[in-house]
Amino acid sequence: MDPLGILITKETDDAAGGTHNMLGLGALVAEMAEQGIGAEALLLGTGLLPQQLDDPQARITQQQKLTIFRNTKRLSAVPDVGLRAGARQRLSDFGVYGYAVVSSRTFGDAVMLGIKHVRLAGPVLEKRFRLDGDTAVFEAHDRLDLGDVLPLATEFWFASILKLATCVLEAPMPSRRLLLPYARPDHAAAYERMFGCPVNFGADVMEWHFDADVLRVPCPNANPITAGICAQFCERMFDKLPDETDLSRSIRTACLNSRGEFPNAEAMAARLGLSVRTLHRRLADEGQHYQRIIDDVRRSLAIEFLENTSLTVDEIAGRVGFSEASNFRKAFRKWTGHAPAHFRA
C-alpha cells in the first residue's frame, strides 16, 4: 500500500469497554524513578500495583491513567517531564510489532503499521494521521477535557512518537511546525529543541506537521519478510481461534508482547488484576489451562520463525522464552512430534 494514497487514518481502541493498554507507561515510570519518585507514589489513588506496569497488555481505566498524569504533574521536579519521559521510549516497548515497525520497507509503511496496531496513548487522546499536500500530520484530539493535565499528556505522546520515528529512520525527523491548544509554558524552548521546528501555542488544533517526502524514505533496517511475519502473525493466529474468550486472548496477547519473557501464572494474574486462583478457575470454566495456552503461543511462534525467517534455532529459542536451545528442542518435539529442523526444511 502506498502511504501517500492514504488521506486519513484514525487509530481505533477499545475505549468503549472503559479500559485500555498500559503500553508505554514504563518510560514515564523510569523518568520519575530518576527523580527519586517510586512507582508506588506514581500509582497513588489508582488501585494498581507496581508489577502491573511491566506488562504492556495490562489493563487500565481512563481515570486511572489520568490519576497517574496528575501524580506525575504534582510530584515531578522538572516542568518538561512529559517531553523527557516520551524521549525514553524504545521500539522494543511495542513488543512483537516493534520488530515489524523497524523492519518496514519505507517510513510510510512504518507509519501505517504503527497507526493500525499500536495503541500508544490509549483513549485519553484520540490519534489520527493524515496527508495535506506535501505535509504529513500527526494529530490528536482532547476527548475528555483534560484541563491542566492536557499539556503533560500531549508532551508525552508527541515526544514518544518523535523518539520512535527517529529510531526507525536512524535520522532526525523533518519537522515543520507543532501546533498546540494551550498557553505557552515556561519551558517552551524545550519543545523547540526537541522537535527542531517552530511551536505555535494557543492554537485551535493539536498537530505535528512534517515533510511528507520522508514517508518514501527506505528504512535502514528494512526486512519485508520479517515485517510481514510480525505484522500478520497475531491476526492469523487469532483468526484460527474464533471461539477464544477475552481472558485467553489477553493472555496470548501479553505473551506476544513479552519479548521472549513468558510470565508464569502468578505474574500473569497480577498483570490482569486477578488472583491466581481466580485466573485458574476462570480458565477451567472455559475448558482452558494456563500452561497449555503458553505452550500453544510458543509453538506457533516457533513454527512461524522456523518457516519464514533465517533466525538460528538458538535465536528462536530465546524469542520463545527458552534460555537453552536444548530445552527448546525437547519442548518443540513434544509439541509437534518433530525436531525444529523438520519445519525449517
C-alpha atoms as a PDB file:
ATOM      1  CA  MET A   1       0.000   0.000   0.000  1.00  0.00           C
ATOM      2  CA  ASP A   2       1.340   3.395  -0.999  1.00  0.00           C
ATOM      3  CA  PRO A   3       1.196   5.552   2.167  1.00  0.00           C
ATOM      4  CA  LEU A   4       0.779   8.663   0.040  1.00  0.00           C
ATOM      5  CA  GLY A   5      -2.571   7.271  -1.078  1.00  0.00           C
ATOM      6  CA  ILE A   6      -3.874   7.399   2.489  1.00  0.00           C
ATOM      7  CA  LEU A   7      -5.788  10.588   3.253  1.00  0.00           C
ATOM      8  CA  ILE A   8      -6.666   9.955   6.864  1.00  0.00           C
ATOM      9  CA  THR A   9      -6.214   7.122   9.321  1.00  0.00           C
ATOM     10  CA  LYS A  10      -7.813   7.088  12.756  1.00  0.00           C
ATOM     11  CA  GLU A  11      -6.435   4.900  15.495  1.00  0.00           C
ATOM     12  CA  THR A  12      -9.047   2.599  16.979  1.00  0.00           C
ATOM     13  CA  ASP A  13      -9.087   1.325  20.525  1.00  0.00           C
ATOM     14  CA  ASP A  14     -11.375  -0.418  22.976  1.00  0.00           C
ATOM     15  CA  ALA A  15     -12.323   2.666  24.922  1.00  0.00           C
ATOM     16  CA  ALA A  16     -15.941   1.585  24.896  1.00  0.00           C
ATOM     17  CA  GLY A  17     -15.040  -1.005  27.480  1.00  0.00           C
ATOM     18  CA  GLY A  18     -13.630   1.656  29.768  1.00  0.00           C
ATOM     19  CA  THR A  19     -10.081   0.240  29.780  1.00  0.00           C
ATOM     20  CA  HIS A  20      -7.037   0.332  27.546  1.00  0.00           C
ATOM     21  CA  ASN A  21      -3.391  -0.666  27.341  1.00  0.00           C
ATOM     22  CA  MET A  22      -0.698   0.431  29.771  1.00  0.00           C
ATOM     23  CA  LEU A  23       1.748   0.272  26.876  1.00  0.00           C
ATOM     24  CA  GLY A  24       4.394   2.994  27.065  1.00  0.00           C
ATOM     25  CA  LEU A  25       3.889   3.979  30.700  1.00  0.00           C
ATOM     26  CA  GLY A  26       7.201   2.341  31.596  1.00  0.00           C
ATOM     27  CA  ALA A  27       9.016   5.339  30.146  1.00  0.00           C
ATOM     28  CA  LEU A  28       7.091   7.661  32.461  1.00  0.00           C
ATOM     29  CA  VAL A  29       7.865   5.437  35.450  1.00  0.00           C
ATOM     30  CA  ALA A  30      11.563   5.380  34.529  1.00  0.00           C
ATOM     31  CA  GLU A  31      11.713   9.175  34.249  1.00  0.00           C
ATOM     32  CA  MET A  32      10.085   9.639  37.642  1.00  0.00           C
ATOM     33  CA  ALA A  33      12.339   6.993  39.205  1.00  0.00           C
ATOM     34  CA  GLU A  34      15.349   9.027  38.077  1.00  0.00           C
ATOM     35  CA  GLN A  35      13.848  11.940  40.006  1.00  0.00           C
ATOM     36  CA  GLY A  36      13.601   9.720  43.091  1.00  0.00           C
ATOM     37  CA  ILE A  37       9.849   9.079  42.806  1.00  0.00           C
ATOM     38  CA  GLY A  38       8.907   5.409  43.110  1.00  0.00           C
ATOM     39  CA  ALA A  39       6.137   3.594  41.274  1.00  0.00           C
ATOM     40  CA  GLU A  40       4.049   3.366  44.457  1.00  0.00           C
ATOM     41  CA  ALA A  41       3.829   7.169  44.671  1.00  0.00           C
ATOM     42  CA  LEU A  42       3.115   7.460  40.969  1.00  0.00           C
ATOM     43  CA  LEU A  43       0.228   4.975  41.261  1.00  0.00           C
ATOM     44  CA  LEU A  44      -1.245   6.523  44.400  1.00  0.00           C
ATOM     45  CA  GLY A  45      -5.027   6.555  44.174  1.00  0.00           C
ATOM     46  CA  THR A  46      -5.216   4.209  41.159  1.00  0.00           C
ATOM     47  CA  GLY A  47      -5.522   0.845  42.907  1.00  0.00           C
ATOM     48  CA  LEU A  48      -2.836  -0.505  40.572  1.00  0.00           C
ATOM     49  CA  LEU A  49       0.216  -2.500  41.638  1.00  0.00           C
ATOM     50  CA  PRO A  50       3.755  -1.596  40.505  1.00  0.00           C
ATOM     51  CA  GLN A  51       4.269  -5.008  38.897  1.00  0.00           C
ATOM     52  CA  GLN A  52       1.308  -4.379  36.588  1.00  0.00           C
ATOM     53  CA  LEU A  53       3.324  -1.648  34.882  1.00  0.00           C
ATOM     54  CA  ASP A  54       5.740  -4.222  33.474  1.00  0.00           C
ATOM     55  CA  ASP A  55       3.236  -5.658  31.006  1.00  0.00           C
ATOM     56  CA  PRO A  56       2.035  -3.532  28.064  1.00  0.00           C
ATOM     57  CA  GLN A  57      -1.143  -5.637  27.932  1.00  0.00           C
ATOM     58  CA  ALA A  58      -2.268  -4.973  31.493  1.00  0.00           C
ATOM     59  CA  ARG A  59      -5.497  -3.004  31.583  1.00  0.00           C
ATOM     60  CA  ILE A  60      -6.015   0.484  32.959  1.00  0.00           C
ATOM     61  CA  THR A  61      -9.059   2.737  33.050  1.00  0.00           C
ATOM     62  CA  GLN A  62      -9.149   6.278  31.757  1.00  0.00           C
ATOM     63  CA  GLN A  63      -9.480   7.607  35.292  1.00  0.00           C
ATOM     64  CA  GLN A  64      -6.504   5.569  36.490  1.00  0.00           C
ATOM     65  CA  LYS A  65      -4.299   6.921  33.729  1.00  0.00           C
ATOM     66  CA  LEU A  66      -5.411  10.480  34.387  1.00  0.00           C
ATOM     67  CA  THR A  67      -4.580   9.961  38.057  1.00  0.00           C
ATOM     68  CA  ILE A  68      -1.069   8.854  37.058  1.00  0.00           C
ATOM     69  CA  PHE A  69      -0.667  12.002  34.946  1.00  0.00           C
ATOM     70  CA  ARG A  70      -1.886  14.171  37.828  1.00  0.00           C
ATOM     71  CA  ASN A  71       0.502  12.451  40.230  1.00  0.00           C
ATOM     72  CA  THR A  72       3.326  12.991  37.745  1.00  0.00           C
ATOM     73  CA  LYS A  73       2.489  16.677  37.390  1.00  0.00           C
ATOM     74  CA  ARG A  74       2.315  17.103  41.165  1.00  0.00           C
ATOM     75  CA  LEU A  75       5.477  15.153  42.006  1.00  0.00           C
ATOM     76  CA  SER A  76       7.855  15.996  39.180  1.00  0.00           C
ATOM     77  CA  ALA A  77      10.759  18.291  39.959  1.00  0.00           C
ATOM     78  CA  VAL A  78      11.009  19.412  36.326  1.00  0.00           C
ATOM     79  CA  PRO A  79       8.319  21.111  34.215  1.00  0.00           C
ATOM     80  CA  ASP A  80       9.121  19.240  30.983  1.00  0.00           C
ATOM     81  CA  VAL A  81       8.630  15.774  32.462  1.00  0.00           C
ATOM     82  CA  GLY A  82       6.292  14.721  29.623  1.00  0.00           C
ATOM     83  CA  LEU A  83       8.911  15.505  26.994  1.00  0.00           C
ATOM     84  CA  ARG A  84      11.637  13.764  28.955  1.00  0.00           C
ATOM     85  CA  ALA A  85       9.539  10.655  29.546  1.00  0.00           C
ATOM     86  CA  GLY A  86       8.463  10.402  25.911  1.00  0.00           C
ATOM     87  CA  ALA A  87      12.095  10.618  24.814  1.00  0.00           C
ATOM     88  CA  ARG A  88      12.758   7.429  26.799  1.00  0.00           C
ATOM     89  CA  GLN A  89      10.507   5.285  24.596  1.00  0.00           C
ATOM     90  CA  ARG A  90      12.092   2.391  22.684  1.00  0.00           C
ATOM     91  CA  LEU A  91      10.978   0.362  19.712  1.00  0.00           C
ATOM     92  CA  SER A  92      11.140  -2.737  21.881  1.00  0.00           C
ATOM     93  CA  ASP A  93       8.428  -1.255  24.101  1.00  0.00           C
ATOM     94  CA  PHE A  94       5.983  -2.193  21.342  1.00  0.00           C
ATOM     95  CA  GLY A  95       6.593  -5.917  21.647  1.00  0.00           C
ATOM     96  CA  VAL A  96       6.203  -8.070  18.540  1.00  0.00           C
ATOM     97  CA  TYR A  97       5.128  -5.084  16.449  1.00  0.00           C
ATOM     98  CA  GLY A  98       8.343  -3.277  17.298  1.00  0.00           C
ATOM     99  CA  TYR A  99      10.111  -5.749  15.015  1.00  0.00           C
ATOM    100  CA  ALA A 100       7.577  -5.024  12.261  1.00  0.00           C
ATOM    101  CA  VAL A 101       7.897  -1.229  12.523  1.00  0.00           C
ATOM    102  CA  VAL A 102      11.687  -1.164  12.363  1.00  0.00           C
ATOM    103  CA  SER A 103      11.676  -3.759   9.553  1.00  0.00           C
ATOM    104  CA  SER A 104       9.176  -1.891   7.363  1.00  0.00           C
ATOM    105  CA  ARG A 105      10.153  -1.174   3.763  1.00  0.00           C
ATOM    106  CA  THR A 106       9.665   2.593   3.990  1.00  0.00           C
ATOM    107  CA  PHE A 107       8.930   5.070   6.736  1.00  0.00           C
ATOM    108  CA  GLY A 108       5.430   5.439   5.322  1.00  0.00           C
ATOM    109  CA  ASP A 109       4.862   1.708   5.735  1.00  0.00           C
ATOM    110  CA  ALA A 110       6.096   2.005   9.330  1.00  0.00           C
ATOM    111  CA  VAL A 111       3.644   4.841   9.998  1.00  0.00           C
ATOM    112  CA  MET A 112       0.712   2.890   8.579  1.00  0.00           C
ATOM    113  CA  LEU A 113       1.650  -0.192  10.592  1.00  0.00           C
ATOM    114  CA  GLY A 114       2.102   1.802  13.776  1.00  0.00           C
ATOM    115  CA  ILE A 115      -1.211   3.617  13.452  1.00  0.00           C
ATOM    116  CA  LYS A 116      -3.011   0.358  12.749  1.00  0.00           C
ATOM    117  CA  HIS A 117      -1.562  -1.722  15.550  1.00  0.00           C
ATOM    118  CA  VAL A 118      -0.007   0.386  18.305  1.00  0.00           C
ATOM    119  CA  ARG A 119      -2.208   1.955  20.987  1.00  0.00           C
ATOM    120  CA  LEU A 120       0.322   4.381  22.403  1.00  0.00           C
ATOM    121  CA  ALA A 121      -1.730   6.804  24.440  1.00  0.00           C
ATOM    122  CA  GLY A 122      -4.972   4.887  24.820  1.00  0.00           C
ATOM    123  CA  PRO A 123      -8.298   6.751  24.649  1.00  0.00           C
ATOM    124  CA  VAL A 124      -7.029   9.741  26.656  1.00  0.00           C
ATOM    125  CA  LEU A 125      -6.165  11.325  23.304  1.00  0.00           C
ATOM    126  CA  GLU A 126      -7.806  10.379  20.021  1.00  0.00           C
ATOM    127  CA  LYS A 127      -4.997   9.974  17.464  1.00  0.00           C
ATOM    128  CA  ARG A 128      -5.078  10.451  13.695  1.00  0.00           C
ATOM    129  CA  PHE A 129      -2.681  10.632  10.780  1.00  0.00           C
ATOM    130  CA  ARG A 130      -3.388  12.443   7.521  1.00  0.00           C
ATOM    131  CA  LEU A 131      -1.752  13.992   4.473  1.00  0.00           C
ATOM    132  CA  ASP A 132      -2.289  17.607   3.456  1.00  0.00           C
ATOM    133  CA  GLY A 133      -0.480  18.169   0.164  1.00  0.00           C
ATOM    134  CA  ASP A 134       3.249  17.843   0.803  1.00  0.00           C
ATOM    135  CA  THR A 135       2.732  17.893   4.571  1.00  0.00           C
ATOM    136  CA  ALA A 136       2.161  14.846   6.747  1.00  0.00           C
ATOM    137  CA  VAL A 137       0.287  15.426  10.009  1.00  0.00           C
ATOM    138  CA  PHE A 138       0.050  13.549  13.283  1.00  0.00           C
ATOM    139  CA  GLU A 139      -2.894  14.983  15.171  1.00  0.00           C
ATOM    140  CA  ALA A 140      -4.614  14.388  18.485  1.00  0.00           C
ATOM    141  CA  HIS A 141      -7.929  15.429  19.998  1.00  0.00           C
ATOM    142  CA  ASP A 142      -8.746  16.029  23.645  1.00  0.00           C
ATOM    143  CA  ARG A 143     -11.861  13.899  24.098  1.00  0.00           C
ATOM    144  CA  LEU A 144     -12.022  14.137  27.877  1.00  0.00           C
ATOM    145  CA  ASP A 145     -11.460  17.847  28.571  1.00  0.00           C
ATOM    146  CA  LEU A 146      -8.207  17.135  30.418  1.00  0.00           C
ATOM    147  CA  GLY A 147      -7.731  20.666  31.707  1.00  0.00           C
ATOM    148  CA  ASP A 148      -4.356  21.236  33.358  1.00  0.00           C
ATOM    149  CA  VAL A 149      -3.246  17.677  32.525  1.00  0.00           C
ATOM    150  CA  LEU A 150      -3.540  18.258  28.775  1.00  0.00           C
ATOM    151  CA  PRO A 151      -0.020  19.705  28.306  1.00  0.00           C
ATOM    152  CA  LEU A 152       1.585  16.733  30.060  1.00  0.00           C
ATOM    153  CA  ALA A 153      -0.435  14.155  28.086  1.00  0.00           C
ATOM    154  CA  THR A 154       0.324  15.991  24.838  1.00  0.00           C
ATOM    155  CA  GLU A 155       4.045  16.278  25.552  1.00  0.00           C
ATOM    156  CA  PHE A 156       4.256  12.596  26.406  1.00  0.00           C
ATOM    157  CA  TRP A 157       2.504  11.446  23.228  1.00  0.00           C
ATOM    158  CA  PHE A 158       4.263  13.681  20.708  1.00  0.00           C
ATOM    159  CA  ALA A 159       7.689  13.116  22.297  1.00  0.00           C
ATOM    160  CA  SER A 160       7.084   9.358  22.218  1.00  0.00           C
ATOM    161  CA  ILE A 161       6.155   9.475  18.538  1.00  0.00           C
ATOM    162  CA  LEU A 162       9.238  11.576  17.774  1.00  0.00           C
ATOM    163  CA  LYS A 163      11.570   9.155  19.567  1.00  0.00           C
ATOM    164  CA  LEU A 164      10.142   6.099  17.838  1.00  0.00           C
ATOM    165  CA  ALA A 165      10.186   7.782  14.435  1.00  0.00           C
ATOM    166  CA  THR A 166      13.833   8.779  14.741  1.00  0.00           C
ATOM    167  CA  CYS A 167      14.687   5.230  15.850  1.00  0.00           C
ATOM    168  CA  VAL A 168      13.054   3.818  12.720  1.00  0.00           C
ATOM    169  CA  LEU A 169      14.716   6.357  10.413  1.00  0.00           C
ATOM    170  CA  GLU A 170      18.034   6.457  12.281  1.00  0.00           C
ATOM    171  CA  ALA A 171      17.912  10.135  11.350  1.00  0.00           C
ATOM    172  CA  PRO A 172      16.184  13.340  12.522  1.00  0.00           C
ATOM    173  CA  MET A 173      12.551  13.912  11.577  1.00  0.00           C
ATOM    174  CA  PRO A 174      11.988  16.734   9.044  1.00  0.00           C
ATOM    175  CA  SER A 175       9.593  18.640  11.296  1.00  0.00           C
ATOM    176  CA  ARG A 176       7.870  21.770  10.001  1.00  0.00           C
ATOM    177  CA  ARG A 177       5.861  23.020  12.956  1.00  0.00           C
ATOM    178  CA  LEU A 178       3.989  21.975  16.069  1.00  0.00           C
ATOM    179  CA  LEU A 179       0.590  23.448  16.946  1.00  0.00           C
ATOM    180  CA  LEU A 180      -0.725  23.081  20.490  1.00  0.00           C
ATOM    181  CA  PRO A 181      -4.010  24.249  22.067  1.00  0.00           C
ATOM    182  CA  TYR A 182      -2.706  25.595  25.365  1.00  0.00           C
ATOM    183  CA  ALA A 183      -0.783  28.603  26.608  1.00  0.00           C
ATOM    184  CA  ARG A 184       2.967  28.866  26.051  1.00  0.00           C
ATOM    185  CA  PRO A 185       4.681  27.262  29.070  1.00  0.00           C
ATOM    186  CA  ASP A 186       7.866  28.495  30.687  1.00  0.00           C
ATOM    187  CA  HIS A 187       9.746  25.520  29.230  1.00  0.00           C
ATOM    188  CA  ALA A 188       8.606  26.199  25.638  1.00  0.00           C
ATOM    189  CA  ALA A 189      12.218  26.269  24.464  1.00  0.00           C
ATOM    190  CA  ALA A 190      12.458  22.560  25.324  1.00  0.00           C
ATOM    191  CA  TYR A 191       9.787  21.832  22.685  1.00  0.00           C
ATOM    192  CA  GLU A 192      11.715  23.721  20.018  1.00  0.00           C
ATOM    193  CA  ARG A 193      14.978  21.985  20.898  1.00  0.00           C
ATOM    194  CA  MET A 194      13.367  18.557  20.800  1.00  0.00           C
ATOM    195  CA  PHE A 195      11.307  18.904  17.613  1.00  0.00           C
ATOM    196  CA  GLY A 196      13.620  21.298  15.778  1.00  0.00           C
ATOM    197  CA  CYS A 197      10.815  23.450  14.429  1.00  0.00           C
ATOM    198  CA  PRO A 198       8.603  26.440  15.353  1.00  0.00           C
ATOM    199  CA  VAL A 199       5.976  25.710  18.019  1.00  0.00           C
ATOM    200  CA  ASN A 200       2.701  27.633  17.972  1.00  0.00           C
ATOM    201  CA  PHE A 201       0.909  27.641  21.323  1.00  0.00           C
ATOM    202  CA  GLY A 202      -2.699  28.724  21.803  1.00  0.00           C
ATOM    203  CA  ALA A 203      -3.752  27.067  18.523  1.00  0.00           C
ATOM    204  CA  ASP A 204      -7.178  25.609  17.819  1.00  0.00           C
ATOM    205  CA  VAL A 205      -5.675  22.196  16.996  1.00  0.00           C
ATOM    206  CA  MET A 206      -3.129  19.719  18.328  1.00  0.00           C
ATOM    207  CA  GLU A 207      -0.926  18.776  15.361  1.00  0.00           C
ATOM    208  CA  TRP A 208       2.655  17.934  14.381  1.00  0.00           C
ATOM    209  CA  HIS A 209       3.456  18.766  10.755  1.00  0.00           C
ATOM    210  CA  PHE A 210       6.408  17.246   8.909  1.00  0.00           C
ATOM    211  CA  ASP A 211       7.653  16.850   5.341  1.00  0.00           C
ATOM    212  CA  ALA A 212       5.622  14.125   3.610  1.00  0.00           C
ATOM    213  CA  ASP A 213       8.608  13.183   1.436  1.00  0.00           C
ATOM    214  CA  VAL A 214      10.040  11.290   4.418  1.00  0.00           C
ATOM    215  CA  LEU A 215       7.259   8.724   4.005  1.00  0.00           C
ATOM    216  CA  ARG A 216       9.065   7.456   0.885  1.00  0.00           C
ATOM    217  CA  VAL A 217      12.430   7.101   2.644  1.00  0.00           C
ATOM    218  CA  PRO A 218      13.582   3.451   2.908  1.00  0.00           C
ATOM    219  CA  CYS A 219      14.029   2.268   6.484  1.00  0.00           C
ATOM    220  CA  PRO A 220      17.691   1.438   7.253  1.00  0.00           C
ATOM    221  CA  ASN A 221      16.716  -1.878   8.852  1.00  0.00           C
ATOM    222  CA  ALA A 222      14.104  -2.833   6.267  1.00  0.00           C
ATOM    223  CA  ASN A 223      13.329  -6.528   6.007  1.00  0.00           C
ATOM    224  CA  PRO A 224       9.978  -7.084   4.279  1.00  0.00           C
ATOM    225  CA  ILE A 225       9.804 -10.744   5.252  1.00  0.00           C
ATOM    226  CA  THR A 226      10.325 -10.022   8.942  1.00  0.00           C
ATOM    227  CA  ALA A 227       7.940  -7.063   8.808  1.00  0.00           C
ATOM    228  CA  GLY A 228       5.206  -9.105   7.163  1.00  0.00           C
ATOM    229  CA  ILE A 229       5.572 -12.037   9.509  1.00  0.00           C
ATOM    230  CA  CYS A 230       5.452  -9.892  12.627  1.00  0.00           C
ATOM    231  CA  ALA A 231       2.549  -7.783  11.404  1.00  0.00           C
ATOM    232  CA  GLN A 232       0.413 -10.709  10.288  1.00  0.00           C
ATOM    233  CA  PHE A 233       1.195 -13.321  12.909  1.00  0.00           C
ATOM    234  CA  CYS A 234      -1.208 -12.200  15.617  1.00  0.00           C
ATOM    235  CA  GLU A 235      -4.033 -11.689  13.153  1.00  0.00           C
ATOM    236  CA  ARG A 236      -3.553 -15.114  11.599  1.00  0.00           C
ATOM    237  CA  MET A 237      -3.346 -16.825  14.957  1.00  0.00           C
ATOM    238  CA  PHE A 238      -6.467 -15.126  16.294  1.00  0.00           C
ATOM    239  CA  ASP A 239      -8.339 -15.869  13.057  1.00  0.00           C
ATOM    240  CA  LYS A 240      -7.827 -19.542  13.818  1.00  0.00           C
ATOM    241  CA  LEU A 241      -9.403 -19.119  17.252  1.00  0.00           C
ATOM    242  CA  PRO A 242     -12.933 -17.802  16.593  1.00  0.00           C
ATOM    243  CA  ASP A 243     -14.243 -19.088  19.918  1.00  0.00           C
ATOM    244  CA  GLU A 244     -11.435 -17.646  22.008  1.00  0.00           C
ATOM    245  CA  THR A 245     -12.537 -15.798  25.140  1.00  0.00           C
ATOM    246  CA  ASP A 246     -11.405 -12.348  26.229  1.00  0.00           C
ATOM    247  CA  LEU A 247      -9.310 -13.894  29.010  1.00  0.00           C
ATOM    248  CA  SER A 248      -7.340 -16.315  26.850  1.00  0.00           C
ATOM    249  CA  ARG A 249      -6.907 -13.637  24.178  1.00  0.00           C
ATOM    250  CA  SER A 250      -5.489 -11.269  26.810  1.00  0.00           C
ATOM    251  CA  ILE A 251      -3.027 -13.959  27.900  1.00  0.00           C
ATOM    252  CA  ARG A 252      -1.932 -14.679  24.329  1.00  0.00           C
ATOM    253  CA  THR A 253      -1.544 -11.002  23.501  1.00  0.00           C
ATOM    254  CA  ALA A 254       0.500 -10.402  26.652  1.00  0.00           C
ATOM    255  CA  CYS A 255       2.785 -13.277  25.673  1.00  0.00           C
ATOM    256  CA  LEU A 256       3.229 -11.954  22.152  1.00  0.00           C
ATOM    257  CA  ASN A 257       4.357  -8.630  23.617  1.00  0.00           C
ATOM    258  CA  SER A 258       6.607 -10.150  26.265  1.00  0.00           C
ATOM    259  CA  ARG A 259       9.802 -10.036  24.151  1.00  0.00           C
ATOM    260  CA  GLY A 260      10.663 -13.633  24.995  1.00  0.00           C
ATOM    261  CA  GLU A 261       9.931 -13.498  28.733  1.00  0.00           C
ATOM    262  CA  PHE A 262       6.748 -15.516  29.113  1.00  0.00           C
ATOM    263  CA  PRO A 263       5.179 -14.830  32.535  1.00  0.00           C
ATOM    264  CA  ASN A 264       4.155 -17.572  34.921  1.00  0.00           C
ATOM    265  CA  ALA A 265       0.577 -17.820  36.170  1.00  0.00           C
ATOM    266  CA  GLU A 266       1.264 -15.690  39.248  1.00  0.00           C
ATOM    267  CA  ALA A 267       2.761 -12.846  37.212  1.00  0.00           C
ATOM    268  CA  MET A 268       0.017 -13.036  34.596  1.00  0.00           C
ATOM    269  CA  ALA A 269      -2.706 -12.954  37.240  1.00  0.00           C
ATOM    270  CA  ALA A 270      -1.167  -9.799  38.742  1.00  0.00           C
ATOM    271  CA  ARG A 271      -0.994  -8.161  35.327  1.00  0.00           C
ATOM    272  CA  LEU A 272      -4.631  -8.947  34.659  1.00  0.00           C
ATOM    273  CA  GLY A 273      -5.732  -7.754  38.105  1.00  0.00           C
ATOM    274  CA  LEU A 274      -6.815 -11.242  39.210  1.00  0.00           C
ATOM    275  CA  SER A 275      -5.838 -13.640  41.949  1.00  0.00           C
ATOM    276  CA  VAL A 276      -4.054 -16.798  40.784  1.00  0.00           C
ATOM    277  CA  ARG A 277      -6.983 -18.875  41.991  1.00  0.00           C
ATOM    278  CA  THR A 278      -9.457 -16.768  40.009  1.00  0.00           C
ATOM    279  CA  LEU A 279      -7.291 -16.982  36.893  1.00  0.00           C
ATOM    280  CA  HIS A 280      -7.123 -20.775  37.029  1.00  0.00           C
ATOM    281  CA  ARG A 281     -10.827 -21.085  37.881  1.00  0.00           C
ATOM    282  CA  ARG A 282     -11.942 -18.874  35.002  1.00  0.00           C
ATOM    283  CA  LEU A 283      -9.710 -20.742  32.571  1.00  0.00           C
ATOM    284  CA  ALA A 284     -11.027 -24.074  33.828  1.00  0.00           C
ATOM    285  CA  ASP A 285     -14.602 -22.852  33.346  1.00  0.00           C
ATOM    286  CA  GLU A 286     -13.669 -22.118  29.734  1.00  0.00           C
ATOM    287  CA  GLY A 287     -12.045 -25.518  29.265  1.00  0.00           C
ATOM    288  CA  GLN A 288      -8.595 -23.951  29.179  1.00  0.00           C
ATOM    289  CA  HIS A 289      -5.348 -24.406  31.089  1.00  0.00           C
ATOM    290  CA  TYR A 290      -2.736 -21.683  31.559  1.00  0.00           C
ATOM    291  CA  GLN A 291       0.328 -23.716  30.600  1.00  0.00           C
ATOM    292  CA  ARG A 292      -1.449 -25.090  27.544  1.00  0.00           C
ATOM    293  CA  ILE A 293      -2.085 -21.537  26.305  1.00  0.00           C
ATOM    294  CA  ILE A 294       1.562 -20.567  26.895  1.00  0.00           C
ATOM    295  CA  ASP A 295       2.837 -23.659  25.085  1.00  0.00           C
ATOM    296  CA  ASP A 296       0.496 -23.016  22.161  1.00  0.00           C
ATOM    297  CA  VAL A 297       1.811 -19.463  21.766  1.00  0.00           C
ATOM    298  CA  ARG A 298       5.403 -20.683  21.955  1.00  0.00           C
ATOM    299  CA  ARG A 299       4.757 -23.464  19.436  1.00  0.00           C
ATOM    300  CA  SER A 300       3.026 -21.154  16.974  1.00  0.00           C
ATOM    301  CA  LEU A 301       5.744 -18.504  17.250  1.00  0.00           C
ATOM    302  CA  ALA A 302       8.487 -21.091  16.842  1.00  0.00           C
ATOM    303  CA  ILE A 303       6.923 -22.543  13.692  1.00  0.00           C
ATOM    304  CA  GLU A 304       6.496 -19.074  12.197  1.00  0.00           C
ATOM    305  CA  PHE A 305      10.136 -18.208  12.853  1.00  0.00           C
ATOM    306  CA  LEU A 306      11.383 -21.568  11.545  1.00  0.00           C
ATOM    307  CA  GLU A 307       9.372 -21.491   8.348  1.00  0.00           C
ATOM    308  CA  ASN A 308       9.651 -17.819   7.466  1.00  0.00           C
ATOM    309  CA  THR A 309      12.883 -16.378   8.883  1.00  0.00           C
ATOM    310  CA  SER A 310      16.594 -17.103   8.828  1.00  0.00           C
ATOM    311  CA  LEU A 311      16.903 -16.925  12.622  1.00  0.00           C
ATOM    312  CA  THR A 312      19.026 -19.689  14.098  1.00  0.00           C
ATOM    313  CA  VAL A 313      17.482 -22.277  16.410  1.00  0.00           C
ATOM    314  CA  ASP A 314      19.328 -20.686  19.324  1.00  0.00           C
ATOM    315  CA  GLU A 315      17.858 -17.277  18.437  1.00  0.00           C
ATOM    316  CA  ILE A 316      14.372 -18.716  18.083  1.00  0.00           C
ATOM    317  CA  ALA A 317      14.707 -20.458  21.427  1.00  0.00           C
ATOM    318  CA  GLY A 318      15.342 -17.092  23.076  1.00  0.00           C
ATOM    319  CA  ARG A 319      12.443 -15.464  21.229  1.00  0.00           C
ATOM    320  CA  VAL A 320      10.007 -18.050  22.602  1.00  0.00           C
ATOM    321  CA  GLY A 321      11.247 -17.988  26.184  1.00  0.00           C
ATOM    322  CA  PHE A 322      13.953 -20.666  26.470  1.00  0.00           C
ATOM    323  CA  SER A 323      17.386 -19.907  27.890  1.00  0.00           C
ATOM    324  CA  GLU A 324      18.816 -23.150  26.474  1.00  0.00           C
ATOM    325  CA  ALA A 325      18.361 -24.311  22.880  1.00  0.00           C
ATOM    326  CA  SER A 326      18.479 -27.950  24.032  1.00  0.00           C
ATOM    327  CA  ASN A 327      15.400 -27.428  26.208  1.00  0.00           C
ATOM    328  CA  PHE A 328      13.654 -25.720  23.294  1.00  0.00           C
ATOM    329  CA  ARG A 329      14.384 -28.677  21.007  1.00  0.00           C
ATOM    330  CA  LYS A 330      12.928 -31.106  23.557  1.00  0.00           C
ATOM    331  CA  ALA A 331       9.810 -28.998  24.055  1.00  0.00           C
ATOM    332  CA  PHE A 332       9.351 -28.495  20.320  1.00  0.00           C
ATOM    333  CA  ARG A 333       9.486 -32.234  19.666  1.00  0.00           C
ATOM    334  CA  LYS A 334       6.906 -32.738  22.437  1.00  0.00           C
ATOM    335  CA  TRP A 335       4.596 -30.101  20.899  1.00  0.00           C
ATOM    336  CA  THR A 336       4.864 -31.215  17.281  1.00  0.00           C
ATOM    337  CA  GLY A 337       6.377 -34.704  17.182  1.00  0.00           C
ATOM    338  CA  HIS A 338       9.230 -33.332  15.062  1.00  0.00           C
ATOM    339  CA  ALA A 339      12.593 -31.632  15.509  1.00  0.00           C
ATOM    340  CA  PRO A 340      12.871 -27.928  14.609  1.00  0.00           C
ATOM    341  CA  ALA A 341      14.885 -28.853  11.518  1.00  0.00           C
ATOM    342  CA  HIS A 342      11.821 -30.622  10.079  1.00  0.00           C
ATOM    343  CA  PHE A 343       9.890 -27.347   9.814  1.00  0.00           C
ATOM    344  CA  ARG A 344      12.906 -25.404   8.558  1.00  0.00           C
ATOM    345  CA  ALA A 345      13.387 -27.930   5.752  1.00  0.00           C
END
